[in-house]
Each structure stands twice: as C-alpha cells, then as structure tokens.
C-alpha cells in the first residue's frame, strides 16, 4: 500500500510542471503581452499578430522602476517604433507588481479600444495561473491564453534542472496563494488602490496623446 501511494505521488509530481501550462490562443479583438519578461513574450505576441489572430497588441510595461535612468515605457515605445506593425502595437502602462493587480491596468487599456475578446500572452509556466486570474477578475471578457516558451527558464522535466525546479516550485506557490487567498478577495487593498489612480492618469495621458 505504501509503495502504491509513493508511486502515485511520484506520478503526480512528474506532471507538476506540465499542469502549469495552458496554451489555447483563440481569435481575439486584442492581444495583451503581460509584463515581467521582455524577450519571448513580446516575440510570441507579435507572431500571433502577424498570423492574424488579433488586429492589435498591447505590451504591458511597468512604470514604477527605471532602467539606468530610462523609463521602461520609453524603451518599449522605441522598440515599437522600430516595428513594421507599429500602428497596431501600443504600450499599456502597468503600475502594479502582481498579476492579480495587473488586471486593473489591462482593463483600462482594453476599454480604450472596446475589446471584448482578449488573448493574453505570457511565459508558459505562468500561463494557467494568469488565465485563471484574468477570467476570475474580468468575467465580462472572453479570455484565452498563449504560452511563450523559454527553455532557459522552464521545462516539463523540472527535476532535471535547478532553474526549472525553482520556477516550478515558485509558480506552484503562487498558484496555491491565488486559489487560497486572492480568489476570495473582491478588491485590492486601499494602498494599492491609490496606486491605481496614478496608473489611470498615466494611461489617460498616453492614450490621449496617441488619439
């Protein structure tokens, strides 16, 4: 009996990384590339744009911390300006630090274009949790997800690489936290809500300039 239980637990553990991944992109009104990674996520988002999955892309970009005295939004805008699809790609300013709070910033950007079907693009290990969070917090949208893979960060055989094991453990910790805590919160704490006001002003200013 003990050996059987051990075998079952080992089998479940072997699928721990695979369970984290959701990758079912659907035709959408807008693609949103989530903040937190600036290589494979934007590349995957642009690939889907070029495939005609959606007519426009938002790149979520943090506004709180500069990079060598340069605002990340400015760096992202220069990146966009060099693209052939620059008129279909926009920066979505993100003030928050978590995926749960990022939803509010994304919602403002989506409202600016009247989108209803939304495809979020994120790292593969983050994809299932991101999909759960966005569907939970934005039920008014039809949301699907596309996974961007970086073999340096994550793989299904998580036990074969220290980095893969760390990524898998960290993501499972965040998944459990969402299911046990964040899912039951109706709104953000007051301190974070105040930060959202700043984000709204930044977004309004940027989109007002673009329009």
Protein backbone atom coordinates (compact mmCIF):
# COMPACT_ATOMS: atom_id res chain seq x y z
CA UNK A 1 0.00 0.00 0.00
CA UNK A 2 2.79 2.39 0.92
CA UNK A 3 4.65 1.65 -2.30
CA UNK A 4 1.46 2.25 -4.27
CA UNK A 5 0.95 5.66 -2.63
CA UNK A 6 4.57 6.56 -3.27
CA UNK A 7 4.18 5.58 -6.92
CA UNK A 8 1.01 7.70 -7.25
CA UNK A 9 2.67 10.72 -5.64
CA UNK A 10 5.72 10.34 -7.88
CA UNK A 11 3.49 10.17 -10.95
CA UNK A 12 1.63 13.31 -9.91
CA UNK A 13 4.86 15.13 -9.11
CA UNK A 14 6.24 14.27 -12.54
CA UNK A 15 3.34 16.21 -14.09
CA UNK A 16 3.68 19.25 -11.81
CA UNK A 17 5.30 21.45 -14.46
CA UNK A 18 3.06 20.30 -17.29
CA UNK A 19 -0.07 21.23 -15.30
CA UNK A 20 1.07 24.86 -15.08
CA UNK A 21 0.87 25.34 -18.85
CA UNK A 22 -2.22 26.43 -20.78
CA UNK A 23 -1.81 27.25 -24.47
CA UNK A 24 -5.03 27.65 -26.46
CA UNK A 25 -4.98 31.00 -28.30
CA UNK A 26 -8.29 32.00 -29.84
CA UNK A 27 -9.17 34.73 -32.39
CA UNK A 28 -9.48 37.95 -30.41
CA UNK A 29 -10.02 41.69 -30.58
CA UNK A 30 -6.72 42.39 -28.83
CA UNK A 31 -3.58 40.62 -27.67
CA UNK A 32 -2.12 41.59 -24.29
CA UNK A 33 1.51 40.67 -23.61
CA UNK A 34 1.83 40.53 -19.84
CA UNK A 35 4.61 42.34 -18.01
CA UNK A 36 7.56 40.61 -16.38
CA UNK A 37 9.58 39.29 -19.33
CA UNK A 38 10.77 41.22 -22.38
CA UNK A 39 12.03 38.64 -24.85
CA UNK A 40 9.90 35.59 -25.63
CA UNK A 41 6.60 37.13 -24.51
CA UNK A 42 6.69 40.10 -26.93
CA UNK A 43 8.02 37.85 -29.70
CA UNK A 44 5.13 35.44 -29.23
CA UNK A 45 2.62 38.28 -29.16
CA UNK A 46 3.94 39.75 -32.40
CA UNK A 47 3.97 36.31 -34.01
CA UNK A 48 0.26 35.93 -33.22
CA UNK A 49 -0.44 39.45 -34.51
CA UNK A 50 1.25 38.59 -37.83
CA UNK A 51 -0.78 35.40 -38.02
CA UNK A 52 -3.96 37.48 -37.87
CA UNK A 53 -5.16 36.16 -34.51
CA UNK A 54 -5.99 39.75 -33.43
CA UNK A 55 -5.74 43.21 -35.04
CA UNK A 56 -3.71 44.86 -32.29
CA UNK A 57 -1.28 44.20 -29.43
CA UNK A 58 -0.79 45.83 -26.05
CA UNK A 59 2.61 45.46 -24.40
CA UNK A 60 2.27 45.68 -20.63
CA UNK A 61 5.18 47.76 -19.35
CA UNK A 62 5.96 48.69 -15.75
CA UNK A 63 6.09 52.37 -14.81
CA UNK A 64 7.47 52.21 -11.28
CA UNK A 65 11.16 51.41 -11.72
CA UNK A 66 13.50 53.00 -14.32
CA UNK A 67 16.26 51.09 -16.07
CA UNK A 68 19.55 53.02 -15.96
CA UNK A 69 17.66 56.31 -15.63
CA UNK A 70 15.34 55.47 -18.54
CA UNK A 71 11.64 54.83 -18.19
CA UNK A 72 10.67 51.35 -19.30
CA UNK A 73 7.69 52.78 -21.16
CA UNK A 74 10.06 54.93 -23.24
CA UNK A 75 12.27 51.94 -24.00
CA UNK A 76 9.22 49.91 -25.01
CA UNK A 77 7.94 52.71 -27.23
CA UNK A 78 11.27 52.88 -29.09
CA UNK A 79 11.05 49.12 -29.58
CA UNK A 80 7.55 49.54 -31.02
CA UNK A 81 8.62 52.40 -33.28
CA UNK A 82 11.10 50.07 -34.98
CA UNK A 83 8.43 47.51 -35.80
CA UNK A 84 6.70 47.26 -39.14
CA UNK A 85 3.43 46.89 -37.22
CA UNK A 86 3.96 49.93 -35.01
CA UNK A 87 0.47 51.33 -35.69
CA UNK A 88 -1.06 48.14 -34.31
CA UNK A 89 1.09 47.89 -31.17
CA UNK A 90 0.69 50.07 -28.06
CA UNK A 91 2.22 50.35 -24.61
CA UNK A 92 -0.12 49.57 -21.73
CA UNK A 93 1.36 51.26 -18.60
CA UNK A 94 1.42 48.91 -15.60
CA UNK A 95 1.78 50.32 -12.09
CA UNK A 96 1.14 47.10 -10.19
CA UNK A 97 3.66 44.42 -9.24
CA UNK A 98 1.47 41.29 -9.31
CA UNK A 99 -0.58 39.54 -11.97
CA UNK A 100 -3.67 39.88 -9.79
CA UNK A 101 -3.32 43.66 -9.70
CA UNK A 102 -2.09 43.96 -13.30
CA UNK A 103 -5.60 43.06 -14.41
CA UNK A 104 -6.88 46.53 -13.47
CA UNK A 105 -4.29 48.28 -15.63
CA UNK A 106 -5.02 45.94 -18.53
CA UNK A 107 -8.76 46.55 -18.22
CA UNK A 108 -8.26 50.28 -18.73
CA UNK A 109 -6.23 49.69 -21.87
CA UNK A 110 -8.81 47.27 -23.26
CA UNK A 111 -11.64 49.72 -22.63
CA UNK A 112 -9.82 52.30 -24.75
CA UNK A 113 -10.33 50.11 -27.86
CA UNK A 114 -13.64 48.48 -26.97
CA UNK A 115 -12.19 44.95 -26.98
CA UNK A 116 -14.35 42.04 -25.81
CA UNK A 117 -12.31 39.01 -26.86
CA UNK A 118 -8.83 39.07 -25.36
CA UNK A 119 -5.78 36.88 -25.83
CA UNK A 120 -3.17 37.15 -23.09
CA UNK A 121 0.40 36.12 -23.83
CA UNK A 122 2.76 35.14 -21.05
CA UNK A 123 5.52 32.69 -20.14
CA UNK A 124 4.42 29.07 -20.34
CA UNK A 125 4.87 28.34 -16.62
CA UNK A 126 2.74 31.41 -15.81
CA UNK A 127 0.02 30.76 -18.37
CA UNK A 128 -2.52 28.71 -16.41
CA UNK A 129 -2.45 30.96 -13.35
CA UNK A 130 -2.66 34.09 -15.49
CA UNK A 131 -5.68 32.67 -17.33
CA UNK A 132 -7.41 31.80 -14.06
CA UNK A 133 -6.77 35.28 -12.64
CA UNK A 134 -7.93 37.18 -15.72
CA UNK A 135 -11.07 35.09 -16.14
CA UNK A 136 -11.85 35.49 -12.44
CA UNK A 137 -11.33 39.26 -12.34
CA UNK A 138 -12.61 40.17 -15.83
CA UNK A 139 -15.63 37.93 -16.47
CA UNK A 140 -17.01 40.46 -18.96
CA UNK A 141 -14.32 39.44 -21.48
CA UNK A 142 -13.78 36.23 -23.44
CA UNK A 143 -10.20 35.42 -22.48
CA UNK A 144 -7.79 32.87 -23.90
CA UNK A 145 -4.06 32.43 -23.41
CA UNK A 146 -0.94 31.74 -25.47
CA UNK A 147 2.20 30.38 -23.84
CA UNK A 148 5.68 31.67 -24.67
CA UNK A 149 8.47 29.17 -24.05
CA UNK A 150 11.98 29.91 -22.83
CA UNK A 151 13.97 26.69 -22.26
CA UNK A 152 16.43 28.53 -20.05
CA UNK A 153 13.65 29.15 -17.52
CA UNK A 154 11.31 26.19 -17.63
CA UNK A 155 10.72 22.65 -18.86
CA UNK A 156 8.37 19.78 -18.12
CA UNK A 157 11.17 17.59 -16.71
CA UNK A 158 11.55 20.04 -13.83
CA UNK A 159 13.70 17.68 -11.74
CA UNK A 160 16.47 17.71 -14.35
CA UNK A 161 17.38 21.39 -13.94
CA UNK A 162 17.82 23.56 -10.87
CA UNK A 163 16.30 26.56 -12.66
CA UNK A 164 13.32 24.55 -13.91
CA UNK A 165 12.73 23.14 -10.42
CA UNK A 166 12.88 26.62 -8.88
CA UNK A 167 10.49 28.05 -11.46
CA UNK A 168 8.04 25.19 -10.98
CA UNK A 169 8.12 25.45 -7.18
CA UNK A 170 7.72 29.24 -7.22
CA UNK A 171 4.80 29.11 -9.64
CA UNK A 172 3.01 26.41 -7.66
CA UNK A 173 3.41 28.54 -4.53
CA UNK A 174 1.75 31.47 -6.34
CA UNK A 175 -0.96 29.20 -7.74
CA UNK A 176 -1.84 27.95 -4.25
CA UNK A 177 -1.85 31.52 -2.93
CA UNK A 178 -4.27 32.59 -5.66
CA UNK A 179 -6.65 29.70 -5.02
CA UNK A 180 -6.49 30.06 -1.22
CA UNK A 181 -6.36 33.86 -0.83
CA UNK A 182 -6.58 36.08 -3.93
CA UNK A 183 -9.57 34.30 -5.46
CA UNK A 184 -11.65 35.32 -2.46
CA UNK A 185 -10.65 38.98 -2.45
CA UNK A 186 -13.21 41.27 -4.06
CA UNK A 187 -10.84 44.21 -4.46
CA UNK A 188 -7.32 45.40 -3.86
CA UNK A 189 -6.18 46.84 -0.50
CA UNK A 190 -6.54 50.60 -0.16
CA UNK A 191 -2.83 51.29 -0.50
CA UNK A 192 -2.70 49.51 -3.86
CA UNK A 193 -5.95 51.11 -4.96
CA UNK A 194 -4.36 54.52 -4.56
CA UNK A 195 -1.52 53.41 -6.79
CA UNK A 196 -4.12 52.56 -9.42
CA UNK A 197 -5.13 56.23 -9.62
CA UNK A 198 -1.61 57.06 -10.71
CA UNK A 199 -1.81 54.31 -13.34
CA UNK A 200 -5.08 55.69 -14.67
CA UNK A 201 -3.55 59.14 -15.10
CA UNK A 202 -0.55 57.70 -16.95
CA UNK A 203 -2.77 55.63 -19.26
CA UNK A 204 -5.15 58.51 -19.93
CA UNK A 205 -2.26 60.81 -20.76
CA UNK A 206 -0.63 58.34 -23.13
CA UNK A 207 -3.80 57.33 -24.97
CA UNK A 208 -4.96 60.93 -25.14
CA UNK A 209 -1.70 61.80 -26.88
CA UNK A 210 -1.94 58.88 -29.29
CA UNK A 211 -5.51 59.70 -30.27
